[in-house]
C-alpha cells in the first residue's frame, strides 16, 4: 500500500513523498525511509490535548487533503465537487 508523508517532523521522511509499505499495527507502518532503511513510524499521533495529527495518509486521504486546501484558497465550500 502507498502511504504519503504529511508531516515535516520526521527525519529521513519527506513531506508529500509517497512510500510503499504496510500497516504493522493499528498505528505503526513498516515503510522504508529516504535512505532505504525500514522503520516503524506512527501513522498518526497527538500534539497536546484534543489535537490529532496525521503523519502518513493513504493516497485517497492525500487527495482529499489537497482538495480541501485548494477549495480553502479559492474560497469554495469544503464539500463542493
C-alpha atoms as a PDB file:
ATOM      1  CA  UNK A   1       0.000   0.000   0.000  1.00  0.00           C
ATOM      2  CA  UNK A   2       1.175   3.534  -0.687  1.00  0.00           C
ATOM      3  CA  UNK A   3       1.481   5.996   2.180  1.00  0.00           C
ATOM      4  CA  UNK A   4       2.013   9.743   1.764  1.00  0.00           C
ATOM      5  CA  UNK A   5       4.046  11.628   4.369  1.00  0.00           C
ATOM      6  CA  UNK A   6       2.068  14.673   5.557  1.00  0.00           C
ATOM      7  CA  UNK A   7       4.471  15.995   8.181  1.00  0.00           C
ATOM      8  CA  UNK A   8       7.877  17.608   8.234  1.00  0.00           C
ATOM      9  CA  UNK A   9       8.525  16.454  11.806  1.00  0.00           C
ATOM     10  CA  UNK A  10      10.269  13.167  10.918  1.00  0.00           C
ATOM     11  CA  UNK A  11      13.905  12.986   9.891  1.00  0.00           C
ATOM     12  CA  UNK A  12      14.528  10.973   6.732  1.00  0.00           C
ATOM     13  CA  UNK A  13      10.898  11.172   5.553  1.00  0.00           C
ATOM     14  CA  UNK A  14       9.852  13.873   3.067  1.00  0.00           C
ATOM     15  CA  UNK A  15       6.572  15.798   3.188  1.00  0.00           C
ATOM     16  CA  UNK A  16       4.393  14.884   0.205  1.00  0.00           C
ATOM     17  CA  UNK A  17       6.504  11.883  -0.769  1.00  0.00           C
ATOM     18  CA  UNK A  18       4.899   8.508  -1.410  1.00  0.00           C
ATOM     19  CA  UNK A  19       6.270   5.456   0.415  1.00  0.00           C
ATOM     20  CA  UNK A  20       5.402   1.824  -0.294  1.00  0.00           C
ATOM     21  CA  UNK A  21       4.793  -0.263   2.805  1.00  0.00           C
ATOM     22  CA  UNK A  22       2.271  -1.936   5.022  1.00  0.00           C
ATOM     23  CA  UNK A  23       0.474  -1.346   8.268  1.00  0.00           C
ATOM     24  CA  UNK A  24       2.067  -3.335  11.088  1.00  0.00           C
ATOM     25  CA  UNK A  25      -0.483  -2.473  13.760  1.00  0.00           C
ATOM     26  CA  UNK A  26      -3.272  -0.001  14.422  1.00  0.00           C
ATOM     27  CA  UNK A  27      -0.841   2.933  14.247  1.00  0.00           C
ATOM     28  CA  UNK A  28       2.580   1.713  13.050  1.00  0.00           C
ATOM     29  CA  UNK A  29       3.706   1.483   9.436  1.00  0.00           C
ATOM     30  CA  UNK A  30       6.509  -0.679   8.069  1.00  0.00           C
ATOM     31  CA  UNK A  31       7.968   1.588   5.376  1.00  0.00           C
ATOM     32  CA  UNK A  32      11.467   2.500   4.188  1.00  0.00           C
ATOM     33  CA  UNK A  33      12.728   6.000   4.911  1.00  0.00           C
ATOM     34  CA  UNK A  34      14.555   8.194   2.373  1.00  0.00           C
ATOM     35  CA  UNK A  35      17.763   6.232   2.992  1.00  0.00           C
ATOM     36  CA  UNK A  36      16.035   2.897   2.283  1.00  0.00           C
ATOM     37  CA  UNK A  37      16.147   1.804   5.921  1.00  0.00           C
ATOM     38  CA  UNK A  38      12.967   0.244   7.299  1.00  0.00           C
ATOM     39  CA  UNK A  39      11.398   1.843  10.348  1.00  0.00           C
ATOM     40  CA  UNK A  40       8.043   1.737  12.102  1.00  0.00           C
ATOM     41  CA  UNK A  41       6.853   5.360  12.110  1.00  0.00           C
ATOM     42  CA  UNK A  42       3.463   6.205  13.575  1.00  0.00           C
ATOM     43  CA  UNK A  43       0.621   6.835  11.152  1.00  0.00           C
ATOM     44  CA  UNK A  44      -0.903   9.425  13.493  1.00  0.00           C
ATOM     45  CA  UNK A  45      -0.423  10.982  16.917  1.00  0.00           C
ATOM     46  CA  UNK A  46      -1.410  13.800  19.248  1.00  0.00           C
ATOM     47  CA  UNK A  47       0.142  17.210  19.760  1.00  0.00           C
ATOM     48  CA  UNK A  48      -1.466  18.293  23.010  1.00  0.00           C
ATOM     49  CA  UNK A  49      -4.979  17.727  24.283  1.00  0.00           C
ATOM     50  CA  UNK A  50      -7.576  17.195  21.579  1.00  0.00           C
ATOM     51  CA  UNK A  51      -5.070  17.941  18.787  1.00  0.00           C
ATOM     52  CA  UNK A  52      -4.978  14.912  16.467  1.00  0.00           C
ATOM     53  CA  UNK A  53      -2.143  14.872  13.884  1.00  0.00           C
ATOM     54  CA  UNK A  54      -1.757  12.677  10.809  1.00  0.00           C
ATOM     55  CA  UNK A  55       1.816  11.774   9.812  1.00  0.00           C
ATOM     56  CA  UNK A  56       1.123   9.342   6.951  1.00  0.00           C
ATOM     57  CA  UNK A  57      -2.100   9.005   4.965  1.00  0.00           C
ATOM     58  CA  UNK A  58      -3.419   6.847   2.150  1.00  0.00           C
ATOM     59  CA  UNK A  59      -3.420   8.211  -1.407  1.00  0.00           C
ATOM     60  CA  UNK A  60      -7.194   8.742  -1.181  1.00  0.00           C
ATOM     61  CA  UNK A  61      -6.849  10.799   2.009  1.00  0.00           C
ATOM     62  CA  UNK A  62      -3.974  12.784   0.427  1.00  0.00           C
ATOM     63  CA  UNK A  63      -6.228  13.750  -2.497  1.00  0.00           C
ATOM     64  CA  UNK A  64      -8.916  14.807  -0.021  1.00  0.00           C
ATOM     65  CA  UNK A  65      -6.443  16.990   1.918  1.00  0.00           C
ATOM     66  CA  UNK A  66      -5.203  18.635  -1.288  1.00  0.00           C
ATOM     67  CA  UNK A  67      -8.748  19.286  -2.498  1.00  0.00           C
ATOM     68  CA  UNK A  68      -9.669  20.905   0.839  1.00  0.00           C
ATOM     69  CA  UNK A  69      -6.615  23.185   0.668  1.00  0.00           C
ATOM     70  CA  UNK A  70      -7.433  24.240  -2.908  1.00  0.00           C
ATOM     71  CA  UNK A  71     -11.070  24.915  -2.004  1.00  0.00           C
ATOM     72  CA  UNK A  72      -9.972  26.980   1.004  1.00  0.00           C
ATOM     73  CA  UNK A  73      -7.649  29.087  -1.156  1.00  0.00           C
ATOM     74  CA  UNK A  74     -10.366  29.587  -3.771  1.00  0.00           C
ATOM     75  CA  UNK A  75     -12.997  30.340  -1.130  1.00  0.00           C
ATOM     76  CA  UNK A  76     -15.154  27.394  -2.168  1.00  0.00           C
ATOM     77  CA  UNK A  77     -17.177  25.348   0.292  1.00  0.00           C
ATOM     78  CA  UNK A  78     -15.140  22.371   1.526  1.00  0.00           C
ATOM     79  CA  UNK A  79     -17.710  19.806   0.405  1.00  0.00           C
ATOM     80  CA  UNK A  80     -18.055  21.131  -3.143  1.00  0.00           C
ATOM     81  CA  UNK A  81     -17.216  18.806  -6.030  1.00  0.00           C
END
